[in-house]
Amino acid sequence: MTHPFDLTGRVAVVTGGNGGLGLGMAKTMAELGCAISIWGRNEDKNQAAKTELDAFGVDVTTLACDVMDAASVDAAFADTLKHYGRVDGMFANAGVSGTTKASIDRTPEEWRQMMGANLDGVVRCFQVAARHMIERKAAGDGFGRLVVTSSVASLMGAAYMEHYGTSKSAVNGLVRALAVELARHDITANAILPGYAESEMTAGVFANEKFVKNVLPRVPMRRFGKPEDYGGVASYLMSGTSGYQTGQTFVIDGGYTLF
């Protein structure tokens, strides 16, 4: 009998999957049998991630890709299809956090860079994946998963990070709209909202003792998230068991947003 979370035969793309939360998601999915294509700008990190994932005995590929460049996304998707013949899940995890400063001092260039990485890049990745998944449905092979890494900053006010919170609120709205539009094609769209979690992106702020002293007591579990804490929800969303759950925002934050 096949285990309900067995991902054997499935293929998932994880953008920014060469480290942090993306790699944590990729590891759990690979452990469950899913083939993984890692897309990232740093080829050395891509290869290091592949080495870790190869331990699970699944087909792992890496591709240099900048999600802010539409041509780069198109080429990466074409190469992924050439290798695997299909893509079942697109995990749009790549993104940036930007710099902290007063909102009145934020430059238009900073806004565009943030939206380019955290919104426009997600849109492009979802477009190419959804087009392929729609075509497969029409051919009698319906199955598609679109998942974006959002943030609890989309739910709570993040002072001096208004551009980041806005970009993450936008992708929450994106998955709700796509969920309605694409459901008839057996494609689900959902968002994962991490709280404060350990990654290269948060290393600087976690090194600030004052920040840790102020924030950690607000986390009921009294610890920050780790990359492996996000593998379970990613694997659920990739599996057939999540086929009737779409347009949702999954908060994984150790209880931070509860009070």
Protein backbone atom coordinates (compact mmCIF):
# COMPACT_ATOMS: atom_id res chain seq x y z
CA MET A 1 0.00 0.00 0.00
CA THR A 2 1.38 3.40 -0.96
CA HIS A 3 2.00 5.77 1.93
CA PRO A 4 -0.17 8.93 1.58
CA PHE A 5 2.93 11.11 1.80
CA ASP A 6 5.00 9.06 -0.63
CA LEU A 7 6.27 11.53 -3.24
CA THR A 8 7.95 8.97 -5.48
CA GLY A 9 7.51 9.93 -9.13
CA ARG A 10 6.87 13.60 -8.35
CA VAL A 11 9.16 16.47 -9.37
CA ALA A 12 9.45 19.72 -7.44
CA VAL A 13 11.33 22.89 -8.29
CA VAL A 14 12.57 24.86 -5.27
CA THR A 15 13.83 28.34 -6.08
CA GLY A 16 16.39 29.54 -3.57
CA GLY A 17 16.54 25.93 -2.47
CA ASN A 18 20.30 25.94 -1.99
CA GLY A 19 20.07 27.07 1.63
CA GLY A 20 17.86 28.07 4.54
CA LEU A 21 14.17 27.26 4.54
CA GLY A 22 14.16 26.23 0.88
CA LEU A 23 16.77 23.57 1.49
CA GLY A 24 14.86 22.42 4.57
CA MET A 25 11.76 21.92 2.44
CA ALA A 26 13.74 20.18 -0.30
CA LYS A 27 15.33 17.76 2.16
CA THR A 28 12.05 16.50 3.57
CA MET A 29 10.48 16.16 0.13
CA ALA A 30 13.56 14.30 -1.12
CA GLU A 31 13.41 12.00 1.90
CA LEU A 32 9.86 11.12 0.83
CA GLY A 33 11.01 10.24 -2.69
CA CYS A 34 10.46 13.50 -4.59
CA ALA A 35 12.90 14.44 -7.34
CA ILE A 36 14.20 17.96 -6.73
CA SER A 37 15.43 20.71 -9.04
CA ILE A 38 17.25 23.45 -7.13
CA TRP A 39 17.28 26.88 -8.76
CA GLY A 40 19.69 29.45 -7.33
CA ARG A 41 22.08 32.17 -8.38
CA ASN A 42 25.10 30.83 -6.49
CA GLU A 43 26.36 27.71 -8.28
CA ASP A 44 28.70 26.73 -5.45
CA LYS A 45 25.77 26.73 -3.01
CA ASN A 46 23.68 24.86 -5.57
CA GLN A 47 26.25 22.08 -5.73
CA ALA A 48 26.60 21.93 -1.95
CA ALA A 49 22.82 21.55 -1.65
CA LYS A 50 22.84 18.82 -4.29
CA THR A 51 25.44 16.91 -2.31
CA GLU A 52 23.17 16.96 0.74
CA LEU A 53 20.09 15.94 -1.23
CA ASP A 54 21.88 13.16 -3.10
CA ALA A 55 22.01 11.27 0.20
CA PHE A 56 18.29 10.55 -0.19
CA GLY A 57 18.79 8.66 -3.45
CA VAL A 58 16.50 10.80 -5.59
CA ASP A 59 17.17 12.58 -8.89
CA VAL A 60 18.54 16.02 -7.96
CA THR A 61 19.48 18.71 -10.45
CA THR A 62 20.66 22.28 -10.02
CA LEU A 63 20.32 25.26 -12.30
CA ALA A 64 21.71 28.77 -12.15
CA CYS A 65 18.64 31.00 -12.19
CA ASP A 66 17.81 34.59 -11.29
CA VAL A 67 14.05 34.77 -10.69
CA MET A 68 14.14 38.53 -11.38
CA ASP A 69 15.12 37.75 -14.97
CA ALA A 70 12.19 36.34 -16.98
CA ALA A 71 14.50 34.85 -19.61
CA SER A 72 16.48 33.08 -16.88
CA VAL A 73 13.28 31.59 -15.44
CA ASP A 74 12.09 30.47 -18.87
CA ALA A 75 15.42 28.81 -19.63
CA ALA A 76 15.58 27.08 -16.26
CA PHE A 77 12.08 25.71 -16.64
CA ALA A 78 12.81 24.46 -20.16
CA ASP A 79 15.95 22.70 -18.91
CA THR A 80 14.04 21.18 -16.00
CA LEU A 81 11.37 19.81 -18.34
CA LYS A 82 14.04 18.47 -20.68
CA HIS A 83 15.57 16.50 -17.82
CA TYR A 84 12.47 15.25 -15.97
CA GLY A 85 9.71 15.49 -18.56
CA ARG A 86 7.36 17.05 -15.99
CA VAL A 87 7.15 19.46 -13.05
CA ASP A 88 4.54 18.71 -10.40
CA GLY A 89 5.36 21.42 -7.88
CA MET A 90 6.78 24.93 -8.07
CA PHE A 91 8.04 26.17 -4.70
CA ALA A 92 8.75 29.87 -5.16
CA ASN A 93 11.02 30.34 -2.17
CA ALA A 94 13.70 32.72 -3.48
CA GLY A 95 13.48 36.23 -2.09
CA VAL A 96 15.21 39.08 -0.31
CA SER A 97 14.66 40.89 2.98
CA GLY A 98 16.07 44.27 2.04
CA THR A 99 17.42 46.89 4.41
CA THR A 100 15.75 48.38 7.47
CA LYS A 101 15.15 52.11 7.39
CA ALA A 102 12.39 54.66 7.93
CA SER A 103 9.67 54.29 5.32
CA ILE A 104 9.88 57.97 4.41
CA ASP A 105 13.48 57.43 3.36
CA ARG A 106 12.84 54.34 1.20
CA THR A 107 13.92 54.94 -2.38
CA PRO A 108 11.94 53.91 -5.47
CA GLU A 109 14.87 51.70 -6.45
CA GLU A 110 14.66 49.80 -3.16
CA TRP A 111 10.93 49.29 -3.64
CA ARG A 112 11.40 47.97 -7.17
CA GLN A 113 14.17 45.59 -6.15
CA MET A 114 12.01 44.19 -3.36
CA MET A 115 8.96 43.72 -5.57
CA GLY A 116 11.10 42.34 -8.38
CA ALA A 117 12.49 39.57 -6.21
CA ASN A 118 9.58 38.82 -3.88
CA LEU A 119 6.61 39.36 -6.18
CA ASP A 120 7.53 39.61 -9.87
CA GLY A 121 9.86 36.61 -9.61
CA VAL A 122 7.12 34.53 -7.98
CA VAL A 123 4.62 35.54 -10.65
CA ARG A 124 6.99 34.48 -13.45
CA CYS A 125 7.81 31.12 -11.84
CA PHE A 126 4.12 30.41 -11.29
CA GLN A 127 3.24 31.40 -14.85
CA VAL A 128 5.63 28.98 -16.52
CA ALA A 129 4.73 26.18 -14.12
CA ALA A 130 0.98 26.72 -14.39
CA ARG A 131 1.09 26.76 -18.19
CA HIS A 132 2.80 23.36 -18.16
CA MET A 133 0.39 21.98 -15.55
CA ILE A 134 -2.66 23.17 -17.51
CA GLU A 135 -1.33 21.44 -20.62
CA ARG A 136 -0.81 18.24 -18.67
CA LYS A 137 -4.35 18.38 -17.30
CA ALA A 138 -5.69 18.75 -20.84
CA ALA A 139 -3.71 15.63 -21.76
CA GLY A 140 -5.29 13.68 -18.90
CA ASP A 141 -2.49 14.06 -16.33
CA GLY A 142 -3.87 16.63 -13.93
CA PHE A 143 -1.75 17.50 -10.87
CA GLY A 144 -0.11 20.79 -9.91
CA ARG A 145 1.18 22.50 -6.79
CA LEU A 146 2.13 26.19 -6.58
CA VAL A 147 3.63 27.17 -3.22
CA VAL A 148 5.21 30.48 -2.23
CA THR A 149 7.27 31.30 0.84
CA SER A 150 5.58 34.35 2.33
CA SER A 151 6.10 35.66 5.88
CA VAL A 152 4.23 36.55 9.06
CA ALA A 153 5.36 40.09 8.18
CA SER A 154 2.37 40.01 5.82
CA LEU A 155 0.07 39.71 8.87
CA MET A 156 1.78 41.92 11.44
CA GLY A 157 3.18 45.41 11.15
CA ALA A 158 6.92 45.29 10.52
CA ALA A 159 8.34 48.71 11.30
CA TYR A 160 11.14 49.86 8.99
CA MET A 161 10.39 46.89 6.72
CA GLU A 162 7.27 48.17 5.01
CA HIS A 163 8.49 47.17 1.54
CA TYR A 164 9.14 43.60 2.68
CA GLY A 165 5.77 43.24 4.41
CA THR A 166 4.02 44.66 1.36
CA SER A 167 5.72 42.20 -0.99
CA LYS A 168 4.69 39.27 1.19
CA SER A 169 1.10 40.52 1.52
CA ALA A 170 0.99 40.69 -2.26
CA VAL A 171 1.92 37.02 -2.73
CA ASN A 172 -0.76 36.01 -0.22
CA GLY A 173 -3.28 37.70 -2.48
CA LEU A 174 -1.70 36.11 -5.53
CA VAL A 175 -2.20 32.54 -4.28
CA ARG A 176 -5.84 33.24 -3.38
CA ALA A 177 -6.54 34.51 -6.90
CA LEU A 178 -4.66 31.65 -8.56
CA ALA A 179 -6.40 29.12 -6.34
CA VAL A 180 -9.76 30.16 -7.74
CA GLU A 181 -8.57 30.43 -11.34
CA LEU A 182 -6.59 27.20 -11.50
CA ALA A 183 -8.65 24.80 -9.39
CA ARG A 184 -10.44 23.45 -12.49
CA HIS A 185 -7.05 22.31 -13.76
CA ASP A 186 -6.27 20.32 -10.58
CA ILE A 187 -3.73 22.94 -9.53
CA THR A 188 -3.58 24.20 -5.96
CA ALA A 189 -1.91 27.43 -4.81
CA ASN A 190 -0.89 28.06 -1.23
CA ALA A 191 1.52 30.14 0.84
CA ILE A 192 3.80 29.19 3.73
CA LEU A 193 4.26 32.00 6.27
CA PRO A 194 7.40 31.48 8.40
CA GLY A 195 7.94 33.36 11.60
CA TYR A 196 11.46 34.20 12.70
CA ALA A 197 13.59 31.32 11.43
CA GLU A 198 17.31 30.59 11.19
CA SER A 199 18.78 31.21 7.74
CA GLU A 200 21.47 33.24 6.02
CA MET A 201 18.88 36.00 5.58
CA THR A 202 18.30 36.31 9.34
CA ALA A 203 21.85 35.62 10.56
CA GLY A 204 22.60 39.30 11.04
CA VAL A 205 19.53 40.09 13.09
CA PHE A 206 19.89 36.93 15.18
CA ALA A 207 23.41 38.04 16.07
CA ASN A 208 21.88 41.11 17.73
CA GLU A 209 21.53 40.18 21.41
CA LYS A 210 19.04 42.97 22.05
CA PHE A 211 16.79 41.71 19.28
CA VAL A 212 16.90 38.13 20.53
CA LYS A 213 16.24 39.23 24.11
CA ASN A 214 13.18 41.23 23.03
CA VAL A 215 11.68 38.83 20.48
CA LEU A 216 12.35 35.32 21.77
CA PRO A 217 10.08 35.69 24.85
CA ARG A 218 7.23 36.45 22.44
CA VAL A 219 7.61 33.03 20.81
CA PRO A 220 5.58 30.55 22.91
CA MET A 221 7.89 27.68 21.89
CA ARG A 222 10.86 29.72 23.15
CA ARG A 223 12.99 29.06 20.12
CA PHE A 224 13.33 30.35 16.59
CA GLY A 225 12.38 28.21 13.64
CA LYS A 226 14.83 25.92 11.89
CA PRO A 227 14.85 24.97 8.18
CA GLU A 228 13.60 21.46 8.97
CA ASP A 229 10.50 22.92 10.64
CA TYR A 230 9.18 23.80 7.16
CA GLY A 231 9.72 20.46 5.46
CA GLY A 232 6.53 18.93 6.81
CA VAL A 233 4.13 21.55 5.46
CA ALA A 234 5.99 21.60 2.12
CA SER A 235 5.67 17.83 1.81
CA TYR A 236 1.99 17.92 2.75
CA LEU A 237 1.30 20.56 0.11
CA MET A 238 3.26 18.53 -2.45
CA SER A 239 1.35 15.33 -1.68
CA GLY A 240 -1.99 14.09 -2.92
CA THR A 241 -3.45 14.49 0.57
CA SER A 242 -3.58 18.28 0.10
CA GLY A 243 -5.55 18.13 -3.13
CA TYR A 244 -8.63 19.84 -1.65
CA GLN A 245 -6.73 22.59 0.20
CA THR A 246 -6.02 25.68 -1.83
CA GLY A 247 -5.74 29.44 -1.48
CA GLN A 248 -4.54 29.13 2.12
CA THR A 249 -1.79 30.74 4.18
CA PHE A 250 -0.01 28.28 6.47
CA VAL A 251 1.52 30.08 9.45
CA ILE A 252 4.54 28.20 10.86
CA ASP A 253 5.90 30.47 13.59
CA GLY A 254 6.03 28.64 16.92
CA GLY A 255 2.98 30.61 18.03
CA TYR A 256 4.53 34.06 17.53
CA THR A 257 1.44 35.60 15.92
CA LEU A 258 -0.94 34.34 18.62
CA PHE A 259 -0.36 37.35 20.86
